[in-house]
C-alpha atoms as a PDB file:
ATOM      1  CA  GLY A   1      27.974 -93.178  83.653  1.00  0.00           C
ATOM      2  CA  GLY A   2      29.634 -91.577  86.726  1.00  0.00           C
ATOM      3  CA  GLY A   3      31.538 -89.125  84.560  1.00  0.00           C
ATOM      4  CA  ARG A   4      28.356 -87.749  83.031  1.00  0.00           C
ATOM      5  CA  GLN A   5      26.727 -87.158  86.418  1.00  0.00           C
ATOM      6  CA  GLY A   6      29.816 -85.251  87.516  1.00  0.00           C
ATOM      7  CA  ALA A   7      29.566 -83.035  84.452  1.00  0.00           C
ATOM      8  CA  VAL A   8      25.904 -82.299  85.117  1.00  0.00           C
ATOM      9  CA  SER A   9      26.536 -81.259  88.718  1.00  0.00           C
ATOM     10  CA  VAL A  10      29.378 -78.968  87.583  1.00  0.00           C
ATOM     11  CA  MET A  11      27.083 -77.389  85.017  1.00  0.00           C
ATOM     12  CA  ARG A  12      24.398 -76.850  87.648  1.00  0.00           C
ATOM     13  CA  ARG A  13      26.895 -75.232  89.968  1.00  0.00           C
ATOM     14  CA  PHE A  14      28.090 -72.991  87.141  1.00  0.00           C
ATOM     15  CA  SER A  15      24.525 -71.936  86.266  1.00  0.00           C
ATOM     16  CA  TYR A  16      23.803 -71.169  89.909  1.00  0.00           C
ATOM     17  CA  THR A  17      26.862 -68.917  90.110  1.00  0.00           C
ATOM     18  CA  ALA A  18      25.858 -67.160  86.890  1.00  0.00           C
ATOM     19  CA  ALA A  19      22.353 -66.556  88.264  1.00  0.00           C
ATOM     20  CA  MET A  20      23.809 -64.918  91.376  1.00  0.00           C
ATOM     21  CA  LYS A  21      25.298 -62.091  89.312  1.00  0.00           C
ATOM     22  CA  LYS A  22      22.486 -59.625  88.667  1.00  0.00           C
ATOM     23  CA  GLU A  23      22.235 -57.827  85.366  1.00  0.00           C
ATOM     24  CA  PHE A  24      21.188 -54.210  85.925  1.00  0.00           C
ATOM     25  CA  VAL A  25      19.508 -52.201  83.157  1.00  0.00           C
ATOM     26  CA  ALA A  26      19.736 -48.407  83.379  1.00  0.00           C
ATOM     27  CA  ALA A  27      16.222 -47.727  82.053  1.00  0.00           C
ATOM     28  CA  HIS A  28      14.598 -50.162  84.541  1.00  0.00           C
ATOM     29  CA  LEU A  29      16.961 -50.048  87.492  1.00  0.00           C
ATOM     30  CA  ASP A  30      16.120 -51.991  90.655  1.00  0.00           C
ATOM     31  CA  VAL A  31      17.674 -49.335  92.903  1.00  0.00           C
ATOM     32  CA  LYS A  32      17.478 -51.341  96.138  1.00  0.00           C
ATOM     33  CA  ALA A  33      19.282 -54.371  94.669  1.00  0.00           C
ATOM     34  CA  PHE A  34      21.750 -52.068  92.868  1.00  0.00           C
ATOM     35  CA  ALA A  35      22.639 -50.285  96.134  1.00  0.00           C
ATOM     36  CA  GLN A  36      22.764 -53.466  98.229  1.00  0.00           C
ATOM     37  CA  ASP A  37      25.084 -55.100  95.687  1.00  0.00           C
ATOM     38  CA  GLY A  38      27.338 -52.029  95.576  1.00  0.00           C
ATOM     39  CA  ALA A  39      26.986 -52.447  91.809  1.00  0.00           C
ATOM     40  CA  SER A  40      28.186 -50.079  89.079  1.00  0.00           C
ATOM     41  CA  LEU A  41      26.908 -49.179  85.634  1.00  0.00           C
ATOM     42  CA  SER A  42      28.330 -46.842  83.011  1.00  0.00           C
ATOM     43  CA  GLY A  43      27.530 -45.869  79.471  1.00  0.00           C
ATOM     44  CA  GLN A  44      28.356 -43.700  76.502  1.00  0.00           C
ATOM     45  CA  ASP A  45      24.987 -43.000  74.903  1.00  0.00           C
ATOM     46  CA  PRO A  46      24.315 -41.121  71.649  1.00  0.00           C
ATOM     47  CA  LEU A  47      23.003 -37.629  72.377  1.00  0.00           C
ATOM     48  CA  GLN A  48      19.953 -38.523  70.205  1.00  0.00           C
ATOM     49  CA  ASP A  49      18.813 -40.800  73.072  1.00  0.00           C
ATOM     50  CA  TYR A  50      18.219 -37.667  75.193  1.00  0.00           C
ATOM     51  CA  PRO A  51      15.595 -35.628  73.267  1.00  0.00           C
ATOM     52  CA  ARG A  52      15.330 -32.798  75.828  1.00  0.00           C
ATOM     53  CA  LEU A  53      19.095 -32.197  75.627  1.00  0.00           C
ATOM     54  CA  VAL A  54      18.890 -32.289  71.818  1.00  0.00           C
ATOM     55  CA  ALA A  55      16.130 -29.638  72.014  1.00  0.00           C
ATOM     56  CA  GLU A  56      18.461 -27.364  74.031  1.00  0.00           C
ATOM     57  CA  SER A  57      21.388 -27.758  71.632  1.00  0.00           C
ATOM     58  CA  LYS A  58      21.769 -25.561  68.579  1.00  0.00           C
ATOM     59  CA  GLY A  59      23.821 -27.852  66.368  1.00  0.00           C
ATOM     60  CA  GLU A  60      23.718 -31.314  64.844  1.00  0.00           C
ATOM     61  CA  PRO A  61      23.673 -33.949  67.639  1.00  0.00           C
ATOM     62  CA  ALA A  62      25.227 -36.660  65.447  1.00  0.00           C
ATOM     63  CA  GLY A  63      28.553 -37.828  66.843  1.00  0.00           C
ATOM     64  CA  LEU A  64      27.940 -36.294  70.284  1.00  0.00           C
ATOM     65  CA  SER A  65      27.460 -38.514  73.321  1.00  0.00           C
ATOM     66  CA  VAL A  66      26.434 -38.463  76.975  1.00  0.00           C
ATOM     67  CA  ASN A  67      29.001 -40.217  79.181  1.00  0.00           C
ATOM     68  CA  TRP A  68      27.811 -41.397  82.572  1.00  0.00           C
ATOM     69  CA  SER A  69      28.536 -43.746  85.439  1.00  0.00           C
ATOM     70  CA  ALA A  70      26.457 -44.780  88.453  1.00  0.00           C
ATOM     71  CA  ARG A  71      27.434 -46.626  91.607  1.00  0.00           C
ATOM     72  CA  GLY A  72      25.158 -48.068  94.281  1.00  0.00           C
ATOM     73  CA  GLU A  73      25.900 -47.986  98.009  1.00  0.00           C
ATOM     74  CA  ALA A  74      24.121 -49.337 101.103  1.00  0.00           C
ATOM     75  CA  ARG A  75      25.197 -47.507 104.282  1.00  0.00           C
ATOM     76  CA  ALA A  76      24.598 -49.418 107.516  1.00  0.00           C
ATOM     77  CA  GLN A  77      22.759 -47.518 110.267  1.00  0.00           C
ATOM     78  CA  ALA A  78      22.656 -48.610 113.894  1.00  0.00           C
ATOM     79  CA  GLY A  79      19.201 -49.942 114.772  1.00  0.00           C
ATOM     80  CA  ALA A  80      17.716 -49.074 111.378  1.00  0.00           C
ATOM     81  CA  THR A  81      17.585 -50.358 107.827  1.00  0.00           C
ATOM     82  CA  ASP A  82      20.489 -49.498 105.521  1.00  0.00           C
ATOM     83  CA  GLN A  83      20.473 -46.150 103.747  1.00  0.00           C
ATOM     84  CA  LEU A  84      20.401 -46.707  99.982  1.00  0.00           C
ATOM     85  CA  TRP A  85      22.455 -44.373  97.793  1.00  0.00           C
ATOM     86  CA  LEU A  86      23.172 -43.929  94.114  1.00  0.00           C
ATOM     87  CA  HIS A  87      26.239 -41.897  93.100  1.00  0.00           C
ATOM     88  CA  LEU A  88      25.881 -40.385  89.643  1.00  0.00           C
ATOM     89  CA  ARG A  89      28.409 -38.765  87.326  1.00  0.00           C
ATOM     90  CA  ALA A  90      27.451 -37.526  83.863  1.00  0.00           C
ATOM     91  CA  GLN A  91      29.088 -35.363  81.227  1.00  0.00           C
ATOM     92  CA  VAL A  92      28.121 -33.985  77.818  1.00  0.00           C
ATOM     93  CA  SER A  93      29.399 -31.297  75.449  1.00  0.00           C
ATOM     94  CA  LEU A  94      26.555 -29.386  73.800  1.00  0.00           C
ATOM     95  CA  PRO A  95      26.577 -26.816  70.993  1.00  0.00           C
ATOM     96  CA  LEU A  96      24.713 -23.783  72.357  1.00  0.00           C
ATOM     97  CA  ILE A  97      24.284 -20.148  71.270  1.00  0.00           C
ATOM     98  CA  CYS A  98      26.591 -17.613  72.906  1.00  0.00           C
ATOM     99  CA  GLN A  99      24.370 -14.873  74.394  1.00  0.00           C
ATOM    100  CA  ARG A 100      27.092 -12.281  73.776  1.00  0.00           C
ATOM    101  CA  CYS A 101      27.989 -12.761  70.085  1.00  0.00           C
ATOM    102  CA  LEU A 102      25.097 -15.082  69.067  1.00  0.00           C
ATOM    103  CA  GLY A 103      27.590 -17.505  67.505  1.00  0.00           C
ATOM    104  CA  ALA A 104      27.807 -21.219  68.293  1.00  0.00           C
ATOM    105  CA  VAL A 105      29.711 -22.195  71.453  1.00  0.00           C
ATOM    106  CA  MET A 106      30.531 -25.703  72.669  1.00  0.00           C
ATOM    107  CA  ILE A 107      29.748 -25.984  76.380  1.00  0.00           C
ATOM    108  CA  ALA A 108      30.952 -28.915  78.510  1.00  0.00           C
ATOM    109  CA  VAL A 109      28.402 -29.781  81.184  1.00  0.00           C
ATOM    110  CA  GLU A 110      29.261 -32.114  84.041  1.00  0.00           C
ATOM    111  CA  VAL A 111      27.342 -33.302  87.088  1.00  0.00           C
ATOM    112  CA  GLU A 112      28.451 -35.370  90.043  1.00  0.00           C
ATOM    113  CA  ARG A 113      25.815 -35.935  92.697  1.00  0.00           C
ATOM    114  CA  PRO A 114      24.738 -38.534  95.256  1.00  0.00           C
ATOM    115  CA  PHE A 115      21.048 -39.433  95.630  1.00  0.00           C
ATOM    116  CA  ARG A 116      19.500 -41.086  98.659  1.00  0.00           C
ATOM    117  CA  PHE A 117      16.538 -43.381  98.030  1.00  0.00           C
ATOM    118  CA  VAL A 118      13.717 -43.819 100.538  1.00  0.00           C
ATOM    119  CA  ALA A 119      10.582 -45.967 100.698  1.00  0.00           C
ATOM    120  CA  ASP A 120       7.855 -43.434  99.856  1.00  0.00           C
ATOM    121  CA  GLU A 121       6.919 -39.873  98.850  1.00  0.00           C
ATOM    122  CA  ALA A 122       6.115 -38.778 102.430  1.00  0.00           C
ATOM    123  CA  THR A 123       9.574 -39.798 103.700  1.00  0.00           C
ATOM    124  CA  ALA A 124      11.214 -38.149 100.681  1.00  0.00           C
ATOM    125  CA  ALA A 125       9.318 -34.886 101.258  1.00  0.00           C
ATOM    126  CA  ALA A 126      10.156 -34.822 104.979  1.00  0.00           C
ATOM    127  CA  LEU A 127      13.842 -35.548 104.422  1.00  0.00           C
ATOM    128  CA  ASP A 128      14.096 -33.147 101.482  1.00  0.00           C
ATOM    129  CA  ASP A 129      13.113 -30.235 103.745  1.00  0.00           C
ATOM    130  CA  GLU A 130      15.565 -31.027 106.518  1.00  0.00           C
ATOM    131  CA  SER A 131      18.631 -32.403 104.737  1.00  0.00           C
ATOM    132  CA  GLU A 132      21.232 -31.263 102.241  1.00  0.00           C
ATOM    133  CA  GLU A 133      21.054 -34.391 100.118  1.00  0.00           C
ATOM    134  CA  ASP A 134      18.797 -35.104  97.145  1.00  0.00           C
ATOM    135  CA  VAL A 135      16.137 -37.630  98.150  1.00  0.00           C
ATOM    136  CA  LEU A 136      14.228 -39.797  95.659  1.00  0.00           C
ATOM    137  CA  VAL A 137      11.609 -42.517  96.040  1.00  0.00           C
ATOM    138  CA  LEU A 138      12.711 -46.132  95.728  1.00  0.00           C
ATOM    139  CA  ASP A 139      11.618 -47.862  92.535  1.00  0.00           C
ATOM    140  CA  ARG A 140      12.181 -51.379  91.238  1.00  0.00           C
ATOM    141  CA  ALA A 141      12.211 -50.018  87.674  1.00  0.00           C
ATOM    142  CA  PHE A 142      13.862 -46.605  88.107  1.00  0.00           C
ATOM    143  CA  ASP A 143      14.534 -44.635  84.901  1.00  0.00           C
ATOM    144  CA  LEU A 144      18.210 -43.708  85.309  1.00  0.00           C
ATOM    145  CA  PRO A 145      18.564 -42.068  81.834  1.00  0.00           C
ATOM    146  CA  ALA A 146      15.708 -39.676  82.745  1.00  0.00           C
ATOM    147  CA  LEU A 147      17.563 -38.678  85.937  1.00  0.00           C
ATOM    148  CA  ILE A 148      20.790 -38.183  83.940  1.00  0.00           C
ATOM    149  CA  GLU A 149      18.932 -35.942  81.481  1.00  0.00           C
ATOM    150  CA  ASP A 150      17.244 -33.942  84.288  1.00  0.00           C
ATOM    151  CA  GLU A 151      20.568 -33.326  86.024  1.00  0.00           C
ATOM    152  CA  LEU A 152      22.412 -32.279  82.859  1.00  0.00           C
ATOM    153  CA  LEU A 153      19.556 -29.928  81.878  1.00  0.00           C
ATOM    154  CA  MET A 154      19.696 -28.258  85.301  1.00  0.00           C
ATOM    155  CA  ALA A 155      23.489 -27.935  85.029  1.00  0.00           C
ATOM    156  CA  LEU A 156      23.314 -26.054  81.705  1.00  0.00           C
ATOM    157  CA  PRO A 157      24.519 -22.452  81.988  1.00  0.00           C
ATOM    158  CA  LEU A 158      21.656 -19.967  82.217  1.00  0.00           C
ATOM    159  CA  VAL A 159      23.469 -17.665  79.796  1.00  0.00           C
ATOM    160  CA  PRO A 160      25.927 -19.601  77.566  1.00  0.00           C
ATOM    161  CA  ARG A 161      28.940 -17.503  76.537  1.00  0.00           C
ATOM    162  CA  HIS A 162      32.353 -17.883  74.933  1.00  0.00           C
ATOM    163  CA  GLU A 163      35.207 -17.091  77.301  1.00  0.00           C
ATOM    164  CA  SER A 164      36.281 -14.668  74.593  1.00  0.00           C
ATOM    165  CA  CYS A 165      34.045 -14.304  71.560  1.00  0.00           C
ATOM    166  CA  PRO A 166      35.597 -14.936  68.132  1.00  0.00           C
ATOM    167  CA  SER A 167      33.649 -11.932  66.747  1.00  0.00           C
ATOM    168  CA  GLU A 168      32.345  -8.660  68.136  1.00  0.00           C
ATOM    169  CA  PRO A 169      28.975  -8.898  69.892  1.00  0.00           C
ATOM    170  CA  ARG A 170      26.153  -7.945  67.530  1.00  0.00           C
ATOM    171  CA  LEU A 171      24.311  -6.082  70.289  1.00  0.00           C
ATOM    172  CA  ALA A 172      26.661  -3.396  71.552  1.00  0.00           C
ATOM    173  CA  VAL A 173      24.155  -1.956  74.028  1.00  0.00           C
ATOM    174  CA  ALA A 174      22.295  -4.211  76.452  1.00  0.00           C
ATOM    175  CA  ASP A 175      21.041  -2.831  79.720  1.00  0.00           C
ATOM    176  CA  ALA A 176      20.915  -4.906  82.901  1.00  0.00           C
ATOM    177  CA  ASP A 177      17.116  -5.343  82.779  1.00  0.00           C
ATOM    178  CA  PHE A 178      17.262  -6.720  79.242  1.00  0.00           C
ATOM    179  CA  GLU A 179      20.057  -9.109  80.183  1.00  0.00           C
ATOM    180  CA  ALA A 180      18.184 -10.329  83.273  1.00  0.00           C
ATOM    181  CA  GLU A 181      15.037 -10.863  81.208  1.00  0.00           C
ATOM    182  CA  SER A 182      16.878 -12.884  78.539  1.00  0.00           C
ATOM    183  CA  GLU A 183      18.544 -14.907  81.279  1.00  0.00           C
ATOM    184  CA  ALA A 184      15.125 -15.820  82.699  1.00  0.00           C
ATOM    185  CA  LYS A 185      13.846 -16.829  79.249  1.00  0.00           C
ATOM    186  CA  ALA A 186      17.051 -18.546  78.182  1.00  0.00           C
ATOM    187  CA  HIS A 187      16.498 -21.563  80.339  1.00  0.00           C
ATOM    188  CA  PRO A 188      13.261 -23.265  81.374  1.00  0.00           C
ATOM    189  CA  PHE A 189      14.959 -24.794  84.439  1.00  0.00           C
ATOM    190  CA  ALA A 190      16.463 -21.482  85.580  1.00  0.00           C
ATOM    191  CA  ALA A 191      14.450 -21.080  88.779  1.00  0.00           C
ATOM    192  CA  LEU A 192      14.835 -24.736  89.703  1.00  0.00           C
ATOM    193  CA  ALA A 193      18.573 -24.688  89.030  1.00  0.00           C
ATOM    194  CA  ARG A 194      18.952 -21.630  91.257  1.00  0.00           C
ATOM    195  CA  LEU A 195      17.018 -23.338  94.058  1.00  0.00           C
ATOM    196  CA  ARG A 196      19.149 -26.478  93.732  1.00  0.00           C
ATOM    197  CA  GLY A 197      22.275 -24.316  93.720  1.00  0.00           C
ATOM    198  CA  ASP A 198      21.214 -22.511  96.931  1.00  0.00           C
ATOM    199  CA  LYS A 199      20.424 -25.813  98.617  1.00  0.00           C
ATOM    200  CA  SER A 200      23.736 -27.470  97.865  1.00  0.00           C
ATOM    201  CA  ASN A 201      25.790 -24.553  99.233  1.00  0.00           C
END
C-alpha cells in the first residue's frame, strides 16, 4: 500500500505546481496579477474580431489579422507599493482609400506603448496631467482587445496615401482648405490622435 500513497502525494504536489501557474485571458485580464507575475501574452487574432477596425477598412477583412503582444511589469518603488505596467505592441495591415487617387492602399499600422495602472480614476486623472505616460485604472477583468483596438484606431493615418499613386489623382485641383476639411472628416479620432501625439513628444 506504501507505493500508492507515494503516488498520491506526487500527484498532489504536481497539481499544486500546476495551480501556481496562472492562466491569463486577454479579454478579462487581471492586470495586477499579470504585472506582478511579469507575465506575457500574445495573439494573432482575425481582423473580424475588431469591428471598429473593420469599419475603418475599405476591403474584405477575411485573411487579415491583428498581431499583438503584452508584457506585465511591477517596478519597485522605495517606501511605496510597486508601480504596475503593461507594455503593449500591436500591428495590423488595413486596406484603406488613398486620399490622393481614391484607389485602395494597404497601410501597415503599428503601436508600441507602455501603460501604467493605478488604483482609481482620481489617481489616474492626477497623474495623467503631470506625467508623460499613459495612465489607466486597475481592473481585475481588463479588456485588453479593446485597448489594442483603441490604440490601432488612433495610430491610423489621418489622410491615407500611396507613397506614389499607381494612377493619376482624380481631383487635380484641391485647395488647402478643402484638404484640411477632408482630413478632419477622414478620421473620427483625429483630434484625440493629435493630442496624444503632442503629449508623447
